[in-house]
């Protein structure tokens, strides 16, 4: 009887080890998914902050140029010209609707 029970006992031990590894793998997977979710959220927040800072920086550059700074006068003129072109385009579109 002992000879028959021995292979079964070894098989049971191996199954227990495999089940424990499966549980560990599952926990690792859950932790990884949680970490990924938090990193994706943090990445989105940081991208939004960067975009806001870039917009603020551009606004400050324009304001600085309007206050008489010699740096970037051509850049400000270009932006104003682009805005005028956009307004002209909008007026043209509205005129065509009538």
PDB file of N, CA and C in Angstrom:
ATOM      1  N   UNK A   1       0.816  -1.193   0.000  1.00  0.00           N
ATOM      2  CA  UNK A   1       0.000   0.000   0.000  1.00  0.00           C
ATOM      3  C   UNK A   1       0.856   1.252   0.000  1.00  0.00           C
ATOM      4  N   UNK A   2       1.944   1.202   0.707  1.00  0.00           N
ATOM      5  CA  UNK A   2       2.805   2.366   0.840  1.00  0.00           C
ATOM      6  C   UNK A   2       3.377   2.778  -0.507  1.00  0.00           C
ATOM      7  N   UNK A   3       3.672   1.797  -1.348  1.00  0.00           N
ATOM      8  CA  UNK A   3       4.228   2.098  -2.664  1.00  0.00           C
ATOM      9  C   UNK A   3       3.199   2.804  -3.550  1.00  0.00           C
ATOM     10  N   UNK A   4       1.953   2.489  -3.388  1.00  0.00           N
ATOM     11  CA  UNK A   4       0.895   3.129  -4.167  1.00  0.00           C
ATOM     12  C   UNK A   4       0.643   4.544  -3.643  1.00  0.00           C
ATOM     13  N   UNK A   5       0.674   4.716  -2.348  1.00  0.00           N
ATOM     14  CA  UNK A   5       0.402   6.018  -1.734  1.00  0.00           C
ATOM     15  C   UNK A   5       1.523   7.026  -1.988  1.00  0.00           C
ATOM     16  N   UNK A   6       2.723   6.542  -2.122  1.00  0.00           N
ATOM     17  CA  UNK A   6       3.864   7.449  -2.296  1.00  0.00           C
ATOM     18  C   UNK A   6       3.747   8.293  -3.574  1.00  0.00           C
ATOM     19  N   UNK A   7       3.493   7.712  -4.733  1.00  0.00           N
ATOM     20  CA  UNK A   7       3.347   8.555  -5.936  1.00  0.00           C
ATOM     21  C   UNK A   7       2.155   9.519  -5.842  1.00  0.00           C
ATOM     22  N   UNK A   8       1.091   9.068  -5.214  1.00  0.00           N
ATOM     23  CA  UNK A   8      -0.076   9.940  -5.046  1.00  0.00           C
ATOM     24  C   UNK A   8       0.274  11.119  -4.150  1.00  0.00           C
ATOM     25  N   UNK A   9       1.008  10.875  -3.094  1.00  0.00           N
ATOM     26  CA  UNK A   9       1.417  11.942  -2.178  1.00  0.00           C
ATOM     27  C   UNK A   9       2.321  12.948  -2.901  1.00  0.00           C
ATOM     28  N   UNK A  10       3.245  12.437  -3.707  1.00  0.00           N
ATOM     29  CA  UNK A  10       4.141  13.319  -4.471  1.00  0.00           C
ATOM     30  C   UNK A  10       3.320  14.165  -5.452  1.00  0.00           C
ATOM     31  N   UNK A  11       2.363  13.536  -6.102  1.00  0.00           N
ATOM     32  CA  UNK A  11       1.506  14.250  -7.041  1.00  0.00           C
ATOM     33  C   UNK A  11       0.683  15.330  -6.326  1.00  0.00           C
ATOM     34  N   UNK A  12       0.159  15.008  -5.163  1.00  0.00           N
ATOM     35  CA  UNK A  12      -0.594  15.993  -4.375  1.00  0.00           C
ATOM     36  C   UNK A  12       0.284  17.185  -3.998  1.00  0.00           C
ATOM     37  N   UNK A  13       1.514  16.912  -3.604  1.00  0.00           N
ATOM     38  CA  UNK A  13       2.432  17.995  -3.231  1.00  0.00           C
ATOM     39  C   UNK A  13       2.727  18.889  -4.435  1.00  0.00           C
ATOM     40  N   UNK A  14       2.919  18.269  -5.587  1.00  0.00           N
ATOM     41  CA  UNK A  14       3.180  19.052  -6.796  1.00  0.00           C
ATOM     42  C   UNK A  14       1.967  19.903  -7.175  1.00  0.00           C
ATOM     43  N   UNK A  15       0.788  19.341  -7.020  1.00  0.00           N
ATOM     44  CA  UNK A  15      -0.438  20.086  -7.316  1.00  0.00           C
ATOM     45  C   UNK A  15      -0.573  21.271  -6.364  1.00  0.00           C
ATOM     46  N   UNK A  16      -0.260  21.067  -5.095  1.00  0.00           N
ATOM     47  CA  UNK A  16      -0.322  22.151  -4.109  1.00  0.00           C
ATOM     48  C   UNK A  16       0.661  23.258  -4.477  1.00  0.00           C
ATOM     49  N   UNK A  17       1.861  22.873  -4.870  1.00  0.00           N
ATOM     50  CA  UNK A  17       2.865  23.871  -5.273  1.00  0.00           C
ATOM     51  C   UNK A  17       2.363  24.651  -6.491  1.00  0.00           C
ATOM     52  N   UNK A  18       1.806  23.947  -7.459  1.00  0.00           N
ATOM     53  CA  UNK A  18       1.288  24.611  -8.657  1.00  0.00           C
ATOM     54  C   UNK A  18       0.125  25.549  -8.332  1.00  0.00           C
ATOM     55  N   UNK A  19      -0.751  25.124  -7.441  1.00  0.00           N
ATOM     56  CA  UNK A  19      -1.868  25.983  -7.047  1.00  0.00           C
ATOM     57  C   UNK A  19      -1.378  27.244  -6.335  1.00  0.00           C
ATOM     58  N   UNK A  20      -0.372  27.076  -5.500  1.00  0.00           N
ATOM     59  CA  UNK A  20       0.196  28.247  -4.818  1.00  0.00           C
ATOM     60  C   UNK A  20       0.826  29.214  -5.820  1.00  0.00           C
ATOM     61  N   UNK A  21       1.518  28.664  -6.806  1.00  0.00           N
ATOM     62  CA  UNK A  21       2.109  29.520  -7.842  1.00  0.00           C
ATOM     63  C   UNK A  21       1.021  30.223  -8.649  1.00  0.00           C
ATOM     64  N   UNK A  22      -0.060  29.508  -8.917  1.00  0.00           N
ATOM     65  CA  UNK A  22      -1.178  30.105  -9.641  1.00  0.00           C
ATOM     66  C   UNK A  22      -1.772  31.275  -8.853  1.00  0.00           C
ATOM     67  N   UNK A  23      -1.941  31.098  -7.555  1.00  0.00           N
ATOM     68  CA  UNK A  23      -2.454  32.181  -6.705  1.00  0.00           C
ATOM     69  C   UNK A  23      -1.506  33.376  -6.717  1.00  0.00           C
ATOM     70  N   UNK A  24      -0.213  33.104  -6.620  1.00  0.00           N
ATOM     71  CA  UNK A  24       0.778  34.188  -6.652  1.00  0.00           C
ATOM     72  C   UNK A  24       0.718  34.927  -7.986  1.00  0.00           C
ATOM     73  N   UNK A  25       0.625  34.162  -9.062  1.00  0.00           N
ATOM     74  CA  UNK A  25       0.545  34.780 -10.387  1.00  0.00           C
ATOM     75  C   UNK A  25      -0.711  35.641 -10.533  1.00  0.00           C
ATOM     76  N   UNK A  26      -1.807  35.138  -9.994  1.00  0.00           N
ATOM     77  CA  UNK A  26      -3.049  35.903 -10.055  1.00  0.00           C
ATOM     78  C   UNK A  26      -2.912  37.209  -9.265  1.00  0.00           C
ATOM     79  N   UNK A  27      -2.338  37.136  -8.087  1.00  0.00           N
ATOM     80  CA  UNK A  27      -2.134  38.343  -7.279  1.00  0.00           C
ATOM     81  C   UNK A  27      -1.200  39.320  -7.985  1.00  0.00           C
ATOM     82  N   UNK A  28      -0.153  38.801  -8.604  1.00  0.00           N
ATOM     83  CA  UNK A  28       0.766  39.663  -9.357  1.00  0.00           C
ATOM     84  C   UNK A  28       0.042  40.340 -10.522  1.00  0.00           C
ATOM     85  N   UNK A  29      -0.813  39.595 -11.183  1.00  0.00           N
ATOM     86  CA  UNK A  29      -1.567  40.150 -12.302  1.00  0.00           C
ATOM     87  C   UNK A  29      -2.500  41.266 -11.826  1.00  0.00           C
ATOM     88  N   UNK A  30      -3.186  41.041 -10.728  1.00  0.00           N
ATOM     89  CA  UNK A  30      -4.086  42.061 -10.178  1.00  0.00           C
ATOM     90  C   UNK A  30      -3.298  43.305  -9.791  1.00  0.00           C
ATOM     91  N   UNK A  31      -2.156  43.111  -9.131  1.00  0.00           N
ATOM     92  CA  UNK A  31      -1.315  44.251  -8.747  1.00  0.00           C
ATOM     93  C   UNK A  31      -0.825  44.999  -9.986  1.00  0.00           C
ATOM     94  N   UNK A  32      -0.439  44.263 -11.003  1.00  0.00           N
ATOM     95  CA  UNK A  32       0.050  44.890 -12.238  1.00  0.00           C
ATOM     96  C   UNK A  32      -1.050  45.704 -12.919  1.00  0.00           C
ATOM     97  N   UNK A  33      -2.261  45.161 -12.943  1.00  0.00           N
ATOM     98  CA  UNK A  33      -3.378  45.892 -13.543  1.00  0.00           C
ATOM     99  C   UNK A  33      -3.684  47.159 -12.754  1.00  0.00           C
ATOM    100  N   UNK A  34      -3.654  47.069 -11.426  1.00  0.00           N
ATOM    101  CA  UNK A  34      -3.882  48.252 -10.593  1.00  0.00           C
ATOM    102  C   UNK A  34      -2.808  49.303 -10.841  1.00  0.00           C
ATOM    103  N   UNK A  35      -1.571  48.857 -10.900  1.00  0.00           N
ATOM    104  CA  UNK A  35      -0.462  49.774 -11.148  1.00  0.00           C
ATOM    105  C   UNK A  35      -0.601  50.417 -12.524  1.00  0.00           C
ATOM    106  N   UNK A  36      -0.963  49.626 -13.510  1.00  0.00           N
ATOM    107  CA  UNK A  36      -1.134  50.159 -14.859  1.00  0.00           C
ATOM    108  C   UNK A  36      -2.235  51.216 -14.879  1.00  0.00           C
ATOM    109  N   UNK A  37      -3.344  50.938 -14.208  1.00  0.00           N
ATOM    110  CA  UNK A  37      -4.444  51.903 -14.174  1.00  0.00           C
ATOM    111  C   UNK A  37      -4.008  53.208 -13.533  1.00  0.00           C
ATOM    112  N   UNK A  38      -3.301  53.105 -12.426  1.00  0.00           N
ATOM    113  CA  UNK A  38      -2.869  54.327 -11.750  1.00  0.00           C
ATOM    114  C   UNK A  38      -1.839  55.079 -12.588  1.00  0.00           C
ATOM    115  N   UNK A  39      -0.967  54.357 -13.294  1.00  0.00           N
ATOM    116  CA  UNK A  39       0.028  55.017 -14.144  1.00  0.00           C
ATOM    117  C   UNK A  39      -0.621  55.683 -15.357  1.00  0.00           C
ATOM    118  N   UNK A  40      -1.641  55.052 -15.914  1.00  0.00           N
ATOM    119  CA  UNK A  40      -2.354  55.654 -17.041  1.00  0.00           C
ATOM    120  C   UNK A  40      -3.029  56.949 -16.593  1.00  0.00           C
ATOM    121  N   UNK A  41      -3.651  56.914 -15.418  1.00  0.00           N
ATOM    122  CA  UNK A  41      -4.300  58.109 -14.882  1.00  0.00           C
ATOM    123  C   UNK A  41      -3.278  59.204 -14.605  1.00  0.00           C
ATOM    124  N   UNK A  42      -2.172  58.842 -13.986  1.00  0.00           N
ATOM    125  CA  UNK A  42      -1.121  59.817 -13.692  1.00  0.00           C
ATOM    126  C   UNK A  42      -0.551  60.402 -14.988  1.00  0.00           C
ATOM    127  N   UNK A  43      -0.383  59.571 -15.999  1.00  0.00           N
ATOM    128  CA  UNK A  43       0.119  60.026 -17.295  1.00  0.00           C
ATOM    129  C   UNK A  43      -0.832  61.052 -17.912  1.00  0.00           C
ATOM    130  N   UNK A  44      -2.133  60.781 -17.836  1.00  0.00           N
ATOM    131  CA  UNK A  44      -3.123  61.714 -18.378  1.00  0.00           C
ATOM    132  C   UNK A  44      -3.071  63.036 -17.625  1.00  0.00           C
ATOM    133  N   UNK A  45      -2.984  62.975 -16.314  1.00  0.00           N
ATOM    134  CA  UNK A  45      -2.922  64.192 -15.504  1.00  0.00           C
ATOM    135  C   UNK A  45      -1.688  65.005 -15.866  1.00  0.00           C
ATOM    136  N   UNK A  46      -0.553  64.332 -16.004  1.00  0.00           N
ATOM    137  CA  UNK A  46       0.685  65.040 -16.343  1.00  0.00           C
ATOM    138  C   UNK A  46       0.624  65.642 -17.749  1.00  0.00           C
ATOM    139  N   UNK A  47       0.024  64.926 -18.690  1.00  0.00           N
ATOM    140  CA  UNK A  47      -0.121  65.475 -20.043  1.00  0.00           C
ATOM    141  C   UNK A  47      -0.998  66.723 -20.024  1.00  0.00           C
ATOM    142  N   UNK A  48      -2.080  66.671 -19.237  1.00  0.00           N
ATOM    143  CA  UNK A  48      -2.950  67.843 -19.122  1.00  0.00           C
ATOM    144  C   UNK A  48      -2.203  69.024 -18.509  1.00  0.00           C
ATOM    145  N   UNK A  49      -1.390  68.750 -17.489  1.00  0.00           N
ATOM    146  CA  UNK A  49      -0.608  69.816 -16.859  1.00  0.00           C
ATOM    147  C   UNK A  49       0.385  70.414 -17.848  1.00  0.00           C
ATOM    148  N   UNK A  50       1.038  69.558 -18.622  1.00  0.00           N
ATOM    149  CA  UNK A  50       2.007  70.042 -19.618  1.00  0.00           C
ATOM    150  C   UNK A  50       1.301  70.928 -20.640  1.00  0.00           C
ATOM    151  N   UNK A  51       0.143  70.490 -21.113  1.00  0.00           N
ATOM    152  CA  UNK A  51      -0.602  71.272 -22.095  1.00  0.00           C
ATOM    153  C   UNK A  51      -0.994  72.630 -21.522  1.00  0.00           C
ATOM    154  N   UNK A  52      -1.456  72.639 -20.270  1.00  0.00           N
ATOM    155  CA  UNK A  52      -1.835  73.900 -19.629  1.00  0.00           C
ATOM    156  C   UNK A  52      -0.620  74.803 -19.478  1.00  0.00           C
ATOM    157  N   UNK A  53       0.501  74.248 -19.064  1.00  0.00           N
ATOM    158  CA  UNK A  53       1.709  75.052 -18.906  1.00  0.00           C
ATOM    159  C   UNK A  53       2.201  75.597 -20.244  1.00  0.00           C
ATOM    160  N   UNK A  54       2.103  74.796 -21.292  1.00  0.00           N
ATOM    161  CA  UNK A  54       2.502  75.281 -22.619  1.00  0.00           C
ATOM    162  C   UNK A  54       1.608  76.430 -23.068  1.00  0.00           C
ATOM    163  N   UNK A  55       0.297  76.301 -22.815  1.00  0.00           N
ATOM    164  CA  UNK A  55      -0.623  77.384 -23.171  1.00  0.00           C
ATOM    165  C   UNK A  55      -0.339  78.637 -22.351  1.00  0.00           C
ATOM    166  N   UNK A  56      -0.098  78.452 -21.055  1.00  0.00           N
ATOM    167  CA  UNK A  56       0.243  79.588 -20.195  1.00  0.00           C
ATOM    168  C   UNK A  56       1.525  80.248 -20.664  1.00  0.00           C
ATOM    169  N   UNK A  57       2.497  79.444 -21.047  1.00  0.00           N
ATOM    170  CA  UNK A  57       3.774  79.971 -21.521  1.00  0.00           C
ATOM    171  C   UNK A  57       3.577  80.809 -22.783  1.00  0.00           C
ATOM    172  N   UNK A  58       2.767  80.305 -23.707  1.00  0.00           N
ATOM    173  CA  UNK A  58       2.492  81.059 -24.931  1.00  0.00           C
ATOM    174  C   UNK A  58       1.788  82.372 -24.610  1.00  0.00           C
ATOM    175  N   UNK A  59       0.822  82.320 -23.693  1.00  0.00           N
ATOM    176  CA  UNK A  59       0.111  83.543 -23.312  1.00  0.00           C
ATOM    177  C   UNK A  59       1.055  84.551 -22.684  1.00  0.00           C
ATOM    178  N   UNK A  60       1.952  84.071 -21.847  1.00  0.00           N
ATOM    179  CA  UNK A  60       2.921  84.969 -21.216  1.00  0.00           C
ATOM    180  C   UNK A  60       3.879  85.564 -22.238  1.00  0.00           C
ATOM    181  N   UNK A  61       4.262  84.772 -23.232  1.00  0.00           N
ATOM    182  CA  UNK A  61       5.135  85.300 -24.282  1.00  0.00           C
ATOM    183  C   UNK A  61       4.444  86.431 -25.034  1.00  0.00           C
ATOM    184  N   UNK A  62       3.176  86.221 -25.374  1.00  0.00           N
ATOM    185  CA  UNK A  62       2.427  87.246 -26.098  1.00  0.00           C
ATOM    186  C   UNK A  62       2.279  88.489 -25.232  1.00  0.00           C
ATOM    187  N   UNK A  63       1.924  88.302 -23.958  1.00  0.00           N
ATOM    188  CA  UNK A  63       1.771  89.444 -23.057  1.00  0.00           C
ATOM    189  C   UNK A  63       3.083  90.191 -22.909  1.00  0.00           C
ATOM    190  N   UNK A  64       4.165  89.468 -22.794  1.00  0.00           N
ATOM    191  CA  UNK A  64       5.483  90.088 -22.662  1.00  0.00           C
ATOM    192  C   UNK A  64       5.815  90.909 -23.903  1.00  0.00           C
ATOM    193  N   UNK A  65       5.494  90.374 -25.055  1.00  0.00           N
ATOM    194  CA  UNK A  65       5.756  91.094 -26.300  1.00  0.00           C
ATOM    195  C   UNK A  65       4.888  92.340 -26.423  1.00  0.00           C
ATOM    196  N   UNK A  66       3.637  92.229 -25.958  1.00  0.00           N
ATOM    197  CA  UNK A  66       2.749  93.385 -26.026  1.00  0.00           C
ATOM    198  C   UNK A  66       3.189  94.487 -25.070  1.00  0.00           C
ATOM    199  N   UNK A  67       3.895  94.119 -24.023  1.00  0.00           N
ATOM    200  CA  UNK A  67       4.372  95.112 -23.058  1.00  0.00           C
ATOM    201  C   UNK A  67       5.626  95.825 -23.544  1.00  0.00           C
ATOM    202  N   UNK A  68       6.095  95.491 -24.711  1.00  0.00           N
ATOM    203  CA  UNK A  68       7.203  96.224 -25.283  1.00  0.00           C
ATOM    204  C   UNK A  68       8.507  95.475 -25.328  1.00  0.00           C
ATOM    205  N   UNK A  69       8.507  94.226 -25.002  1.00  0.00           N
ATOM    206  CA  UNK A  69       9.738  93.453 -25.081  1.00  0.00           C
ATOM    207  C   UNK A  69      10.143  93.320 -26.542  1.00  0.00           C
ATOM    208  N   UNK A  70      11.419  93.490 -26.805  1.00  0.00           N
ATOM    209  CA  UNK A  70      11.888  93.389 -28.188  1.00  0.00           C
ATOM    210  C   UNK A  70      11.996  91.936 -28.641  1.00  0.00           C
ATOM    211  N   UNK A  71      12.051  91.024 -27.686  1.00  0.00           N
ATOM    212  CA  UNK A  71      12.150  89.607 -28.043  1.00  0.00           C
ATOM    213  C   UNK A  71      10.810  89.116 -28.563  1.00  0.00           C
ATOM    214  N   UNK A  72      10.854  88.477 -29.685  1.00  0.00           N
ATOM    215  CA  UNK A  72       9.658  87.801 -30.185  1.00  0.00           C
ATOM    216  C   UNK A  72       8.613  88.710 -30.780  1.00  0.00           C
ATOM    217  N   UNK A  73       8.952  89.960 -31.156  1.00  0.00           N
ATOM    218  CA  UNK A  73       7.953  90.824 -31.782  1.00  0.00           C
ATOM    219  C   UNK A  73       7.415  90.201 -33.060  1.00  0.00           C
ATOM    220  N   UNK A  74       8.286  89.603 -33.818  1.00  0.00           N
ATOM    221  CA  UNK A  74       7.829  88.972 -35.065  1.00  0.00           C
ATOM    222  C   UNK A  74       6.909  87.794 -34.764  1.00  0.00           C
ATOM    223  N   UNK A  75       7.195  87.093 -33.676  1.00  0.00           N
ATOM    224  CA  UNK A  75       6.347  85.963 -33.288  1.00  0.00           C
ATOM    225  C   UNK A  75       4.949  86.464 -32.936  1.00  0.00           C
ATOM    226  N   UNK A  76       4.873  87.568 -32.202  1.00  0.00           N
ATOM    227  CA  UNK A  76       3.579  88.129 -31.824  1.00  0.00           C
ATOM    228  C   UNK A  76       2.835  88.623 -33.061  1.00  0.00           C
ATOM    229  N   UNK A  77       3.550  89.286 -33.965  1.00  0.00           N
ATOM    230  CA  UNK A  77       2.917  89.764 -35.197  1.00  0.00           C
ATOM    231  C   UNK A  77       2.364  88.591 -36.001  1.00  0.00           C
ATOM    232  N   UNK A  78       3.114  87.514 -36.051  1.00  0.00           N
ATOM    233  CA  UNK A  78       2.660  86.327 -36.775  1.00  0.00           C
ATOM    234  C   UNK A  78       1.392  85.764 -36.145  1.00  0.00           C
ATOM    235  N   UNK A  79       1.356  85.698 -34.817  1.00  0.00           N
ATOM    236  CA  UNK A  79       0.168  85.174 -34.132  1.00  0.00           C
ATOM    237  C   UNK A  79      -1.035  86.068 -34.392  1.00  0.00           C
ATOM    238  N   UNK A  80      -0.824  87.395 -34.322  1.00  0.00           N
ATOM    239  CA  UNK A  80      -1.924  88.326 -34.571  1.00  0.00           C
ATOM    240  C   UNK A  80      -2.416  88.173 -36.006  1.00  0.00           C
ATOM    241  N   UNK A  81      -1.497  88.060 -36.948  1.00  0.00           N
ATOM    242  CA  UNK A  81      -1.890  87.867 -38.351  1.00  0.00           C
ATOM    243  C   UNK A  81      -2.671  86.573 -38.539  1.00  0.00           C
ATOM    244  N   UNK A  82      -2.252  85.519 -37.854  1.00  0.00           N
ATOM    245  CA  UNK A  82      -2.981  84.243 -37.940  1.00  0.00           C
ATOM    246  C   UNK A  82      -4.384  84.379 -37.367  1.00  0.00           C
ATOM    247  N   UNK A  83      -4.504  85.096 -36.253  1.00  0.00           N
ATOM    248  CA  UNK A  83      -5.828  85.312 -35.662  1.00  0.00           C
ATOM    249  C   UNK A  83      -6.715  86.123 -36.603  1.00  0.00           C
ATOM    250  N   UNK A  84      -6.142  87.150 -37.237  1.00  0.00           N
ATOM    251  CA  UNK A  84      -6.906  87.961 -38.187  1.00  0.00           C
ATOM    252  C   UNK A  84      -7.376  87.098 -39.355  1.00  0.00           C
ATOM    253  N   UNK A  85      -6.513  86.217 -39.845  1.00  0.00           N
ATOM    254  CA  UNK A  85      -6.892  85.319 -40.942  1.00  0.00           C
ATOM    255  C   UNK A  85      -8.040  84.404 -40.525  1.00  0.00           C
ATOM    256  N   UNK A  86      -7.985  83.904 -39.278  1.00  0.00           N
ATOM    257  CA  UNK A  86      -9.062  83.042 -38.783  1.00  0.00           C
ATOM    258  C   UNK A  86     -10.371  83.807 -38.714  1.00  0.00           C
ATOM    259  N   UNK A  87     -10.322  85.049 -38.206  1.00  0.00           N
ATOM    260  CA  UNK A  87     -11.533  85.868 -38.110  1.00  0.00           C
ATOM    261  C   UNK A  87     -12.078  86.151 -39.507  1.00  0.00           C
ATOM    262  N   UNK A  88     -11.202  86.492 -40.443  1.00  0.00           N
ATOM    263  CA  UNK A  88     -11.633  86.735 -41.823  1.00  0.00           C
ATOM    264  C   UNK A  88     -12.295  85.498 -42.420  1.00  0.00           C
ATOM    265  N   UNK A  89     -11.725  84.339 -42.158  1.00  0.00           N
ATOM    266  CA  UNK A  89     -12.290  83.093 -42.668  1.00  0.00           C
ATOM    267  C   UNK A  89     -13.686  82.861 -42.080  1.00  0.00           C
ATOM    268  N   UNK A  90     -13.829  83.118 -40.777  1.00  0.00           N
ATOM    269  CA  UNK A  90     -15.132  82.937 -40.124  1.00  0.00           C
ATOM    270  C   UNK A  90     -16.164  83.900 -40.709  1.00  0.00           C
ATOM    271  N   UNK A  91     -15.759  85.155 -40.938  1.00  0.00           N
ATOM    272  CA  UNK A  91     -16.669  86.138 -41.523  1.00  0.00           C
ATOM    273  C   UNK A  91     -17.084  85.691 -42.919  1.00  0.00           C
ATOM    274  N   UNK A  92     -16.137  85.179 -43.673  1.00  0.00           N
ATOM    275  CA  UNK A  92     -16.433  84.690 -45.020  1.00  0.00           C
ATOM    276  C   UNK A  92     -17.433  83.539 -44.962  1.00  0.00           C
ATOM    277  N   UNK A  93     -17.243  82.627 -44.031  1.00  0.00           N
ATOM    278  CA  UNK A  93     -18.157  81.493 -43.893  1.00  0.00           C
ATOM    279  C   UNK A  93     -19.560  81.973 -43.531  1.00  0.00           C
ATOM    280  N   UNK A  94     -19.639  82.954 -42.623  1.00  0.00           N
ATOM    281  CA  UNK A  94     -20.940  83.487 -42.226  1.00  0.00           C
ATOM    282  C   UNK A  94     -21.609  84.210 -43.395  1.00  0.00           C
ATOM    283  N   UNK A  95     -20.818  84.916 -44.189  1.00  0.00           N
ATOM    284  CA  UNK A  95     -21.368  85.632 -45.347  1.00  0.00           C
ATOM    285  C   UNK A  95     -21.934  84.652 -46.365  1.00  0.00           C
ATOM    286  N   UNK A  96     -21.270  83.536 -46.550  1.00  0.00           N
ATOM    287  CA  UNK A  96     -21.739  82.537 -47.508  1.00  0.00           C
ATOM    288  C   UNK A  96     -23.027  81.872 -47.052  1.00  0.00           C
ATOM    289  N   UNK A  97     -23.268  81.834 -45.753  1.00  0.00           N
ATOM    290  CA  UNK A  97     -24.487  81.218 -45.224  1.00  0.00           C
ATOM    291  C   UNK A  97     -25.706  82.078 -45.532  1.00  0.00           C
ATOM    292  N   UNK A  98     -25.508  83.372 -45.591  1.00  0.00           N
ATOM    293  CA  UNK A  98     -26.642  84.280 -45.843  1.00  0.00           C
ATOM    294  C   UNK A  98     -26.951  84.321 -47.265  1.00  0.00           C
TER     295      UNK A  98
END
